């Protein structure tokens, strides 16, 4: 077997392997694109307006709870930083006198 024949077989093996992979990728892509036509058994039907209102109010309550937790964490961090510096006794005679005036989200 000469070098030319070896390179020819290697080239054919490479083309055959890469061709097989390419064809399989195209086939998988086609199968995935057909998934939108398969009905999903767990898909919810249109929610009733009353249930939608309950969901919105629950979401609002969750957001308010999240804001309360955020305020508590920020206040605790300020108190811890002041205590670490030793300035808590100088500025405030009582614990828990920090007031958060406004918290606004910044664009990300």
PDB file of N, CA and C in Angstrom:
ATOM      1  N   UNK A   1       0.841  -1.160   0.000  1.00  0.00           N
ATOM      2  CA  UNK A   1       0.000   0.000   0.000  1.00  0.00           C
ATOM      3  C   UNK A   1       0.900   1.241   0.000  1.00  0.00           C
ATOM      4  N   UNK A   2       0.636   2.135  -0.921  1.00  0.00           N
ATOM      5  CA  UNK A   2       1.479   3.318  -1.035  1.00  0.00           C
ATOM      6  C   UNK A   2       0.908   4.445  -0.174  1.00  0.00           C
ATOM      7  N   UNK A   3       1.692   5.475  -0.069  1.00  0.00           N
ATOM      8  CA  UNK A   3       1.290   6.642   0.725  1.00  0.00           C
ATOM      9  C   UNK A   3       0.043   7.277   0.124  1.00  0.00           C
ATOM     10  N   UNK A   4      -0.054   7.314  -1.176  1.00  0.00           N
ATOM     11  CA  UNK A   4      -1.198   7.917  -1.844  1.00  0.00           C
ATOM     12  C   UNK A   4      -2.484   7.158  -1.509  1.00  0.00           C
ATOM     13  N   UNK A   5      -2.409   5.828  -1.504  1.00  0.00           N
ATOM     14  CA  UNK A   5      -3.578   5.024  -1.166  1.00  0.00           C
ATOM     15  C   UNK A   5      -3.971   5.213   0.299  1.00  0.00           C
ATOM     16  N   UNK A   6      -2.983   5.327   1.169  1.00  0.00           N
ATOM     17  CA  UNK A   6      -3.258   5.540   2.591  1.00  0.00           C
ATOM     18  C   UNK A   6      -3.972   6.878   2.795  1.00  0.00           C
ATOM     19  N   UNK A   7      -3.455   7.926   2.143  1.00  0.00           N
ATOM     20  CA  UNK A   7      -4.089   9.241   2.257  1.00  0.00           C
ATOM     21  C   UNK A   7      -5.492   9.251   1.648  1.00  0.00           C
ATOM     22  N   UNK A   8      -5.688   8.495   0.573  1.00  0.00           N
ATOM     23  CA  UNK A   8      -7.011   8.427  -0.059  1.00  0.00           C
ATOM     24  C   UNK A   8      -8.007   7.764   0.886  1.00  0.00           C
ATOM     25  N   UNK A   9      -7.602   6.644   1.531  1.00  0.00           N
ATOM     26  CA  UNK A   9      -8.484   5.978   2.485  1.00  0.00           C
ATOM     27  C   UNK A   9      -8.755   6.868   3.691  1.00  0.00           C
ATOM     28  N   UNK A  10      -7.726   7.563   4.180  1.00  0.00           N
ATOM     29  CA  UNK A  10      -7.905   8.453   5.330  1.00  0.00           C
ATOM     30  C   UNK A  10      -8.860   9.589   4.983  1.00  0.00           C
ATOM     31  N   UNK A  11      -8.726  10.133   3.777  1.00  0.00           N
ATOM     32  CA  UNK A  11      -9.625  11.201   3.338  1.00  0.00           C
ATOM     33  C   UNK A  11     -11.056  10.717   3.223  1.00  0.00           C
ATOM     34  N   UNK A  12     -11.244   9.512   2.695  1.00  0.00           N
ATOM     35  CA  UNK A  12     -12.594   8.961   2.576  1.00  0.00           C
ATOM     36  C   UNK A  12     -13.198   8.696   3.956  1.00  0.00           C
ATOM     37  N   UNK A  13     -12.385   8.175   4.871  1.00  0.00           N
ATOM     38  CA  UNK A  13     -12.875   7.950   6.235  1.00  0.00           C
ATOM     39  C   UNK A  13     -13.270   9.273   6.900  1.00  0.00           C
ATOM     40  N   UNK A  14     -12.468  10.289   6.690  1.00  0.00           N
ATOM     41  CA  UNK A  14     -12.763  11.604   7.267  1.00  0.00           C
ATOM     42  C   UNK A  14     -14.058  12.159   6.688  1.00  0.00           C
ATOM     43  N   UNK A  15     -14.196  12.119   5.365  1.00  0.00           N
ATOM     44  CA  UNK A  15     -15.419  12.620   4.725  1.00  0.00           C
ATOM     45  C   UNK A  15     -16.642  11.814   5.153  1.00  0.00           C
ATOM     46  N   UNK A  16     -16.501  10.505   5.253  1.00  0.00           N
ATOM     47  CA  UNK A  16     -17.612   9.659   5.653  1.00  0.00           C
ATOM     48  C   UNK A  16     -18.024   9.968   7.101  1.00  0.00           C
ATOM     49  N   UNK A  17     -17.062  10.133   7.994  1.00  0.00           N
ATOM     50  CA  UNK A  17     -17.359  10.439   9.395  1.00  0.00           C
ATOM     51  C   UNK A  17     -17.990  11.810   9.554  1.00  0.00           C
ATOM     52  N   UNK A  18     -17.393  12.811   8.910  1.00  0.00           N
ATOM     53  CA  UNK A  18     -17.940  14.164   9.011  1.00  0.00           C
ATOM     54  C   UNK A  18     -19.307  14.262   8.339  1.00  0.00           C
ATOM     55  N   UNK A  19     -19.491  13.566   7.246  1.00  0.00           N
ATOM     56  CA  UNK A  19     -20.779  13.560   6.561  1.00  0.00           C
ATOM     57  C   UNK A  19     -21.865  12.926   7.428  1.00  0.00           C
ATOM     58  N   UNK A  20     -21.515  11.822   8.089  1.00  0.00           N
ATOM     59  CA  UNK A  20     -22.472  11.163   8.976  1.00  0.00           C
ATOM     60  C   UNK A  20     -22.878  12.083  10.112  1.00  0.00           C
ATOM     61  N   UNK A  21     -21.912  12.742  10.712  1.00  0.00           N
ATOM     62  CA  UNK A  21     -22.205  13.664  11.814  1.00  0.00           C
ATOM     63  C   UNK A  21     -23.073  14.815  11.318  1.00  0.00           C
ATOM     64  N   UNK A  22     -22.765  15.385  10.170  1.00  0.00           N
ATOM     65  CA  UNK A  22     -23.544  16.493   9.625  1.00  0.00           C
ATOM     66  C   UNK A  22     -24.978  16.068   9.342  1.00  0.00           C
ATOM     67  N   UNK A  23     -25.168  14.912   8.739  1.00  0.00           N
ATOM     68  CA  UNK A  23     -26.513  14.416   8.433  1.00  0.00           C
ATOM     69  C   UNK A  23     -27.295  14.185   9.725  1.00  0.00           C
ATOM     70  N   UNK A  24     -26.660  13.620  10.734  1.00  0.00           N
ATOM     71  CA  UNK A  24     -27.345  13.371  12.006  1.00  0.00           C
ATOM     72  C   UNK A  24     -27.708  14.692  12.697  1.00  0.00           C
ATOM     73  N   UNK A  25     -26.844  15.682  12.621  1.00  0.00           N
ATOM     74  CA  UNK A  25     -27.166  16.985  13.209  1.00  0.00           C
ATOM     75  C   UNK A  25     -28.360  17.637  12.516  1.00  0.00           C
ATOM     76  N   UNK A  26     -28.425  17.537  11.210  1.00  0.00           N
ATOM     77  CA  UNK A  26     -29.559  18.076  10.469  1.00  0.00           C
ATOM     78  C   UNK A  26     -30.827  17.324  10.853  1.00  0.00           C
ATOM     79  N   UNK A  27     -30.748  16.007  10.992  1.00  0.00           N
ATOM     80  CA  UNK A  27     -31.897  15.206  11.382  1.00  0.00           C
ATOM     81  C   UNK A  27     -32.374  15.579  12.791  1.00  0.00           C
ATOM     82  N   UNK A  28     -31.456  15.728  13.730  1.00  0.00           N
ATOM     83  CA  UNK A  28     -31.822  16.125  15.094  1.00  0.00           C
ATOM     84  C   UNK A  28     -32.446  17.517  15.084  1.00  0.00           C
ATOM     85  N   UNK A  29     -31.913  18.419  14.291  1.00  0.00           N
ATOM     86  CA  UNK A  29     -32.474  19.771  14.194  1.00  0.00           C
ATOM     87  C   UNK A  29     -33.906  19.730  13.660  1.00  0.00           C
ATOM     88  N   UNK A  30     -34.163  18.909  12.678  1.00  0.00           N
ATOM     89  CA  UNK A  30     -35.524  18.776  12.141  1.00  0.00           C
ATOM     90  C   UNK A  30     -36.467  18.198  13.190  1.00  0.00           C
ATOM     91  N   UNK A  31     -36.027  17.193  13.932  1.00  0.00           N
ATOM     92  CA  UNK A  31     -36.865  16.596  14.976  1.00  0.00           C
ATOM     93  C   UNK A  31     -37.186  17.628  16.054  1.00  0.00           C
ATOM     94  N   UNK A  32     -36.204  18.408  16.458  1.00  0.00           N
ATOM     95  CA  UNK A  32     -36.433  19.433  17.483  1.00  0.00           C
ATOM     96  C   UNK A  32     -37.405  20.492  16.972  1.00  0.00           C
ATOM     97  N   UNK A  33     -37.306  20.848  15.706  1.00  0.00           N
ATOM     98  CA  UNK A  33     -38.228  21.860  15.166  1.00  0.00           C
ATOM     99  C   UNK A  33     -39.667  21.350  15.116  1.00  0.00           C
ATOM    100  N   UNK A  34     -39.876  20.048  15.112  1.00  0.00           N
ATOM    101  CA  UNK A  34     -41.219  19.476  15.097  1.00  0.00           C
ATOM    102  C   UNK A  34     -41.827  19.387  16.494  1.00  0.00           C
ATOM    103  N   UNK A  35     -41.078  19.650  17.549  1.00  0.00           N
ATOM    104  CA  UNK A  35     -41.591  19.556  18.918  1.00  0.00           C
ATOM    105  C   UNK A  35     -42.736  20.526  19.172  1.00  0.00           C
ATOM    106  N   UNK A  36     -42.790  21.643  18.455  1.00  0.00           N
ATOM    107  CA  UNK A  36     -43.856  22.611  18.702  1.00  0.00           C
ATOM    108  C   UNK A  36     -45.222  22.060  18.309  1.00  0.00           C
ATOM    109  N   UNK A  37     -45.268  21.019  17.483  1.00  0.00           N
ATOM    110  CA  UNK A  37     -46.533  20.442  17.058  1.00  0.00           C
ATOM    111  C   UNK A  37     -47.008  19.322  17.983  1.00  0.00           C
ATOM    112  N   UNK A  38     -46.193  18.911  18.921  1.00  0.00           N
ATOM    113  CA  UNK A  38     -46.566  17.854  19.859  1.00  0.00           C
ATOM    114  C   UNK A  38     -47.344  18.494  21.003  1.00  0.00           C
ATOM    115  N   UNK A  39     -48.574  18.036  21.260  1.00  0.00           N
ATOM    116  CA  UNK A  39     -49.345  18.638  22.359  1.00  0.00           C
ATOM    117  C   UNK A  39     -48.721  18.274  23.706  1.00  0.00           C
ATOM    118  N   UNK A  40     -48.739  19.228  24.611  1.00  0.00           N
ATOM    119  CA  UNK A  40     -48.172  19.010  25.932  1.00  0.00           C
ATOM    120  C   UNK A  40     -49.304  18.688  26.898  1.00  0.00           C
ATOM    121  N   UNK A  41     -49.261  17.551  27.563  1.00  0.00           N
ATOM    122  CA  UNK A  41     -50.369  17.171  28.439  1.00  0.00           C
ATOM    123  C   UNK A  41     -50.490  18.067  29.670  1.00  0.00           C
ATOM    124  N   UNK A  42     -49.414  18.683  30.118  1.00  0.00           N
ATOM    125  CA  UNK A  42     -49.451  19.530  31.299  1.00  0.00           C
ATOM    126  C   UNK A  42     -49.756  20.982  31.007  1.00  0.00           C
ATOM    127  N   UNK A  43     -50.016  21.306  29.727  1.00  0.00           N
ATOM    128  CA  UNK A  43     -50.271  22.700  29.374  1.00  0.00           C
ATOM    129  C   UNK A  43     -51.592  23.155  29.971  1.00  0.00           C
ATOM    130  N   UNK A  44     -51.583  24.345  30.581  1.00  0.00           N
ATOM    131  CA  UNK A  44     -52.789  24.875  31.203  1.00  0.00           C
ATOM    132  C   UNK A  44     -53.661  25.540  30.152  1.00  0.00           C
ATOM    133  N   UNK A  45     -54.955  25.422  30.375  1.00  0.00           N
ATOM    134  CA  UNK A  45     -55.894  26.131  29.512  1.00  0.00           C
ATOM    135  C   UNK A  45     -55.981  27.564  30.000  1.00  0.00           C
ATOM    136  N   UNK A  46     -56.744  28.388  29.311  1.00  0.00           N
ATOM    137  CA  UNK A  46     -56.869  29.792  29.701  1.00  0.00           C
ATOM    138  C   UNK A  46     -57.394  29.876  31.131  1.00  0.00           C
ATOM    139  N   UNK A  47     -56.708  30.641  31.941  1.00  0.00           N
ATOM    140  CA  UNK A  47     -57.105  30.794  33.338  1.00  0.00           C
ATOM    141  C   UNK A  47     -58.321  31.697  33.436  1.00  0.00           C
ATOM    142  N   UNK A  48     -59.135  31.431  34.447  1.00  0.00           N
ATOM    143  CA  UNK A  48     -60.300  32.267  34.667  1.00  0.00           C
ATOM    144  C   UNK A  48     -59.843  33.611  35.203  1.00  0.00           C
ATOM    145  N   UNK A  49     -60.614  34.686  34.967  1.00  0.00           N
ATOM    146  CA  UNK A  49     -60.203  36.008  35.448  1.00  0.00           C
ATOM    147  C   UNK A  49     -60.027  36.067  36.961  1.00  0.00           C
ATOM    148  N   UNK A  50     -60.844  35.359  37.735  1.00  0.00           N
ATOM    149  CA  UNK A  50     -60.721  35.388  39.195  1.00  0.00           C
ATOM    150  C   UNK A  50     -59.399  34.773  39.627  1.00  0.00           C
ATOM    151  N   UNK A  51     -59.028  33.679  38.988  1.00  0.00           N
ATOM    152  CA  UNK A  51     -57.759  33.039  39.329  1.00  0.00           C
ATOM    153  C   UNK A  51     -56.592  33.935  38.935  1.00  0.00           C
ATOM    154  N   UNK A  52     -56.736  34.637  37.818  1.00  0.00           N
ATOM    155  CA  UNK A  52     -55.678  35.543  37.377  1.00  0.00           C
ATOM    156  C   UNK A  52     -55.502  36.675  38.375  1.00  0.00           C
ATOM    157  N   UNK A  53     -56.601  37.196  38.919  1.00  0.00           N
ATOM    158  CA  UNK A  53     -56.517  38.271  39.905  1.00  0.00           C
ATOM    159  C   UNK A  53     -55.850  37.783  41.181  1.00  0.00           C
ATOM    160  N   UNK A  54     -56.156  36.544  41.588  1.00  0.00           N
ATOM    161  CA  UNK A  54     -55.521  35.978  42.776  1.00  0.00           C
ATOM    162  C   UNK A  54     -54.023  35.814  42.550  1.00  0.00           C
ATOM    163  N   UNK A  55     -53.655  35.405  41.350  1.00  0.00           N
ATOM    164  CA  UNK A  55     -52.244  35.231  41.036  1.00  0.00           C
ATOM    165  C   UNK A  55     -51.520  36.567  41.084  1.00  0.00           C
ATOM    166  N   UNK A  56     -52.133  37.624  40.548  1.00  0.00           N
ATOM    167  CA  UNK A  56     -51.513  38.945  40.551  1.00  0.00           C
ATOM    168  C   UNK A  56     -51.349  39.447  41.976  1.00  0.00           C
ATOM    169  N   UNK A  57     -52.384  39.266  42.817  1.00  0.00           N
ATOM    170  CA  UNK A  57     -52.273  39.741  44.195  1.00  0.00           C
ATOM    171  C   UNK A  57     -51.233  38.940  44.959  1.00  0.00           C
ATOM    172  N   UNK A  58     -51.103  37.644  44.683  1.00  0.00           N
ATOM    173  CA  UNK A  58     -50.080  36.841  45.335  1.00  0.00           C
ATOM    174  C   UNK A  58     -48.692  37.290  44.888  1.00  0.00           C
ATOM    175  N   UNK A  59     -48.560  37.638  43.609  1.00  0.00           N
ATOM    176  CA  UNK A  59     -47.274  38.133  43.102  1.00  0.00           C
ATOM    177  C   UNK A  59     -46.910  39.459  43.738  1.00  0.00           C
ATOM    178  N   UNK A  60     -47.895  40.328  43.940  1.00  0.00           N
ATOM    179  CA  UNK A  60     -47.647  41.618  44.579  1.00  0.00           C
ATOM    180  C   UNK A  60     -47.234  41.418  46.037  1.00  0.00           C
ATOM    181  N   UNK A  61     -47.894  40.487  46.719  1.00  0.00           N
ATOM    182  CA  UNK A  61     -47.539  40.200  48.110  1.00  0.00           C
ATOM    183  C   UNK A  61     -46.123  39.656  48.192  1.00  0.00           C
ATOM    184  N   UNK A  62     -45.757  38.811  47.239  1.00  0.00           N
ATOM    185  CA  UNK A  62     -44.401  38.277  47.221  1.00  0.00           C
ATOM    186  C   UNK A  62     -43.386  39.385  47.007  1.00  0.00           C
ATOM    187  N   UNK A  63     -43.691  40.331  46.106  1.00  0.00           N
ATOM    188  CA  UNK A  63     -42.774  41.444  45.846  1.00  0.00           C
ATOM    189  C   UNK A  63     -42.624  42.309  47.092  1.00  0.00           C
ATOM    190  N   UNK A  64     -43.725  42.551  47.822  1.00  0.00           N
ATOM    191  CA  UNK A  64     -43.656  43.345  49.043  1.00  0.00           C
ATOM    192  C   UNK A  64     -42.827  42.624  50.098  1.00  0.00           C
ATOM    193  N   UNK A  65     -43.002  41.300  50.226  1.00  0.00           N
ATOM    194  CA  UNK A  65     -42.216  40.527  51.180  1.00  0.00           C
ATOM    195  C   UNK A  65     -40.741  40.586  50.808  1.00  0.00           C
ATOM    196  N   UNK A  66     -40.465  40.502  49.518  1.00  0.00           N
ATOM    197  CA  UNK A  66     -39.089  40.575  49.042  1.00  0.00           C
ATOM    198  C   UNK A  66     -38.476  41.940  49.382  1.00  0.00           C
ATOM    199  N   UNK A  67     -39.244  43.009  49.219  1.00  0.00           N
ATOM    200  CA  UNK A  67     -38.762  44.351  49.565  1.00  0.00           C
ATOM    201  C   UNK A  67     -38.507  44.468  51.060  1.00  0.00           C
ATOM    202  N   UNK A  68     -39.391  43.902  51.886  1.00  0.00           N
ATOM    203  CA  UNK A  68     -39.197  43.950  53.339  1.00  0.00           C
ATOM    204  C   UNK A  68     -37.918  43.222  53.741  1.00  0.00           C
ATOM    205  N   UNK A  69     -37.677  42.093  53.118  1.00  0.00           N
ATOM    206  CA  UNK A  69     -36.454  41.335  53.416  1.00  0.00           C
ATOM    207  C   UNK A  69     -35.238  42.136  52.991  1.00  0.00           C
ATOM    208  N   UNK A  70     -35.305  42.776  51.845  1.00  0.00           N
ATOM    209  CA  UNK A  70     -34.192  43.591  51.360  1.00  0.00           C
ATOM    210  C   UNK A  70     -33.901  44.740  52.317  1.00  0.00           C
ATOM    211  N   UNK A  71     -34.939  45.393  52.804  1.00  0.00           N
ATOM    212  CA  UNK A  71     -34.766  46.491  53.755  1.00  0.00           C
ATOM    213  C   UNK A  71     -34.131  45.982  55.039  1.00  0.00           C
ATOM    214  N   UNK A  72     -34.566  44.820  55.511  1.00  0.00           N
ATOM    215  CA  UNK A  72     -34.005  44.253  56.730  1.00  0.00           C
ATOM    216  C   UNK A  72     -32.530  43.919  56.559  1.00  0.00           C
ATOM    217  N   UNK A  73     -32.167  43.379  55.416  1.00  0.00           N
ATOM    218  CA  UNK A  73     -30.773  43.024  55.166  1.00  0.00           C
ATOM    219  C   UNK A  73     -29.890  44.267  55.097  1.00  0.00           C
ATOM    220  N   UNK A  74     -30.366  45.307  54.435  1.00  0.00           N
ATOM    221  CA  UNK A  74     -29.589  46.548  54.331  1.00  0.00           C
ATOM    222  C   UNK A  74     -29.434  47.182  55.705  1.00  0.00           C
ATOM    223  N   UNK A  75     -30.492  47.192  56.496  1.00  0.00           N
ATOM    224  CA  UNK A  75     -30.419  47.776  57.838  1.00  0.00           C
ATOM    225  C   UNK A  75     -29.445  46.996  58.718  1.00  0.00           C
ATOM    226  N   UNK A  76     -29.474  45.681  58.617  1.00  0.00           N
ATOM    227  CA  UNK A  76     -28.557  44.856  59.395  1.00  0.00           C
ATOM    228  C   UNK A  76     -27.116  45.102  58.975  1.00  0.00           C
ATOM    229  N   UNK A  77     -26.887  45.285  57.685  1.00  0.00           N
ATOM    230  CA  UNK A  77     -25.529  45.548  57.206  1.00  0.00           C
ATOM    231  C   UNK A  77     -25.022  46.894  57.712  1.00  0.00           C
ATOM    232  N   UNK A  78     -25.891  47.907  57.740  1.00  0.00           N
ATOM    233  CA  UNK A  78     -25.497  49.225  58.245  1.00  0.00           C
ATOM    234  C   UNK A  78     -25.177  49.134  59.729  1.00  0.00           C
ATOM    235  N   UNK A  79     -26.003  48.428  60.488  1.00  0.00           N
ATOM    236  CA  UNK A  79     -25.776  48.290  61.931  1.00  0.00           C
ATOM    237  C   UNK A  79     -24.487  47.535  62.204  1.00  0.00           C
ATOM    238  N   UNK A  80     -24.227  46.482  61.426  1.00  0.00           N
ATOM    239  CA  UNK A  80     -23.007  45.704  61.626  1.00  0.00           C
ATOM    240  C   UNK A  80     -21.771  46.529  61.283  1.00  0.00           C
ATOM    241  N   UNK A  81     -21.850  47.304  60.217  1.00  0.00           N
ATOM    242  CA  UNK A  81     -20.715  48.135  59.828  1.00  0.00           C
ATOM    243  C   UNK A  81     -20.450  49.217  60.872  1.00  0.00           C
ATOM    244  N   UNK A  82     -21.507  49.806  61.401  1.00  0.00           N
ATOM    245  CA  UNK A  82     -21.344  50.842  62.419  1.00  0.00           C
ATOM    246  C   UNK A  82     -20.776  50.257  63.700  1.00  0.00           C
ATOM    247  N   UNK A  83     -21.226  49.071  64.070  1.00  0.00           N
ATOM    248  CA  UNK A  83     -20.733  48.423  65.285  1.00  0.00           C
ATOM    249  C   UNK A  83     -19.270  48.037  65.119  1.00  0.00           C
ATOM    250  N   UNK A  84     -18.900  47.618  63.918  1.00  0.00           N
ATOM    251  CA  UNK A  84     -17.510  47.232  63.670  1.00  0.00           C
ATOM    252  C   UNK A  84     -16.586  48.442  63.763  1.00  0.00           C
ATOM    253  N   UNK A  85     -17.069  49.601  63.367  1.00  0.00           N
ATOM    254  CA  UNK A  85     -16.266  50.819  63.424  1.00  0.00           C
ATOM    255  C   UNK A  85     -16.290  51.447  64.808  1.00  0.00           C
ATOM    256  N   UNK A  86     -17.235  51.042  65.637  1.00  0.00           N
ATOM    257  CA  UNK A  86     -17.354  51.626  66.961  1.00  0.00           C
ATOM    258  C   UNK A  86     -18.116  52.931  66.957  1.00  0.00           C
ATOM    259  N   UNK A  87     -18.745  53.258  65.859  1.00  0.00           N
ATOM    260  CA  UNK A  87     -19.457  54.530  65.767  1.00  0.00           C
ATOM    261  C   UNK A  87     -20.927  54.396  66.123  1.00  0.00           C
ATOM    262  N   UNK A  88     -21.388  53.199  66.432  1.00  0.00           N
ATOM    263  CA  UNK A  88     -22.801  53.009  66.745  1.00  0.00           C
ATOM    264  C   UNK A  88     -23.183  53.739  68.026  1.00  0.00           C
ATOM    265  N   UNK A  89     -22.282  53.765  69.013  1.00  0.00           N
ATOM    266  CA  UNK A  89     -22.589  54.444  70.276  1.00  0.00           C
ATOM    267  C   UNK A  89     -22.592  55.960  70.097  1.00  0.00           C
ATOM    268  N   UNK A  90     -21.770  56.463  69.208  1.00  0.00           N
ATOM    269  CA  UNK A  90     -21.662  57.911  69.006  1.00  0.00           C
ATOM    270  C   UNK A  90     -22.872  58.475  68.271  1.00  0.00           C
ATOM    271  N   UNK A  91     -23.290  57.779  67.210  1.00  0.00           N
ATOM    272  CA  UNK A  91     -24.342  58.321  66.363  1.00  0.00           C
ATOM    273  C   UNK A  91     -25.739  58.055  66.912  1.00  0.00           C
ATOM    274  N   UNK A  92     -25.984  56.850  67.393  1.00  0.00           N
ATOM    275  CA  UNK A  92     -27.320  56.481  67.837  1.00  0.00           C
ATOM    276  C   UNK A  92     -27.236  55.877  69.229  1.00  0.00           C
ATOM    277  N   UNK A  93     -28.069  56.372  70.115  1.00  0.00           N
ATOM    278  CA  UNK A  93     -28.056  55.852  71.468  1.00  0.00           C
ATOM    279  C   UNK A  93     -28.864  54.572  71.566  1.00  0.00           C
ATOM    280  N   UNK A  94     -29.810  54.351  70.665  1.00  0.00           N
ATOM    281  CA  UNK A  94     -30.646  53.165  70.692  1.00  0.00           C
ATOM    282  C   UNK A  94     -30.340  52.288  69.486  1.00  0.00           C
ATOM    283  N   UNK A  95     -30.522  50.981  69.674  1.00  0.00           N
ATOM    284  CA  UNK A  95     -30.370  50.069  68.543  1.00  0.00           C
ATOM    285  C   UNK A  95     -31.649  50.113  67.714  1.00  0.00           C
ATOM    286  N   UNK A  96     -31.520  50.034  66.435  1.00  0.00           N
ATOM    287  CA  UNK A  96     -32.683  49.991  65.557  1.00  0.00           C
ATOM    288  C   UNK A  96     -33.248  51.348  65.215  1.00  0.00           C
ATOM    289  N   UNK A  97     -32.474  52.392  65.270  1.00  0.00           N
ATOM    290  CA  UNK A  97     -32.993  53.716  64.945  1.00  0.00           C
ATOM    291  C   UNK A  97     -32.689  54.124  63.513  1.00  0.00           C
ATOM    292  N   UNK A  98     -32.187  53.211  62.713  1.00  0.00           N
ATOM    293  CA  UNK A  98     -31.893  53.525  61.319  1.00  0.00           C
ATOM    294  C   UNK A  98     -33.190  53.572  60.530  1.00  0.00           C
ATOM    295  N   UNK A  99     -33.305  54.543  59.662  1.00  0.00           N
ATOM    296  CA  UNK A  99     -34.498  54.695  58.844  1.00  0.00           C
ATOM    297  C   UNK A  99     -34.073  54.687  57.379  1.00  0.00           C
ATOM    298  N   UNK A 100     -34.688  53.809  56.609  1.00  0.00           N
ATOM    299  CA  UNK A 100     -34.424  53.748  55.182  1.00  0.00           C
ATOM    300  C   UNK A 100     -35.482  54.590  54.498  1.00  0.00           C
ATOM    301  N   UNK A 101     -35.064  55.659  53.864  1.00  0.00           N
ATOM    302  CA  UNK A 101     -36.009  56.608  53.268  1.00  0.00           C
ATOM    303  C   UNK A 101     -36.540  56.140  51.916  1.00  0.00           C
ATOM    304  N   UNK A 102     -35.670  55.647  51.060  1.00  0.00           N
ATOM    305  CA  UNK A 102     -36.107  55.276  49.725  1.00  0.00           C
ATOM    306  C   UNK A 102     -35.170  54.217  49.157  1.00  0.00           C
ATOM    307  N   UNK A 103     -35.765  53.221  48.533  1.00  0.00           N
ATOM    308  CA  UNK A 103     -34.996  52.208  47.822  1.00  0.00           C
ATOM    309  C   UNK A 103     -35.555  52.143  46.418  1.00  0.00           C
ATOM    310  N   UNK A 104     -34.701  52.364  45.438  1.00  0.00           N
ATOM    311  CA  UNK A 104     -35.137  52.305  44.055  1.00  0.00           C
ATOM    312  C   UNK A 104     -34.219  51.365  43.293  1.00  0.00           C
ATOM    313  N   UNK A 105     -34.790  50.565  42.408  1.00  0.00           N
ATOM    314  CA  UNK A 105     -34.004  49.648  41.594  1.00  0.00           C
ATOM    315  C   UNK A 105     -33.331  50.427  40.457  1.00  0.00           C
ATOM    316  N   UNK A 106     -32.126  50.067  40.179  1.00  0.00           N
ATOM    317  CA  UNK A 106     -31.381  50.668  39.070  1.00  0.00           C
ATOM    318  C   UNK A 106     -31.458  49.742  37.865  1.00  0.00           C
ATOM    319  N   UNK A 107     -31.365  50.275  36.668  1.00  0.00           N
ATOM    320  CA  UNK A 107     -31.377  49.471  35.453  1.00  0.00           C
ATOM    321  C   UNK A 107     -30.138  48.596  35.408  1.00  0.00           C
ATOM    322  N   UNK A 108     -30.329  47.372  34.959  1.00  0.00           N
ATOM    323  CA  UNK A 108     -29.202  46.429  34.930  1.00  0.00           C
ATOM    324  C   UNK A 108     -28.531  46.419  33.601  1.00  0.00           C
TER     325      UNK A 108
END
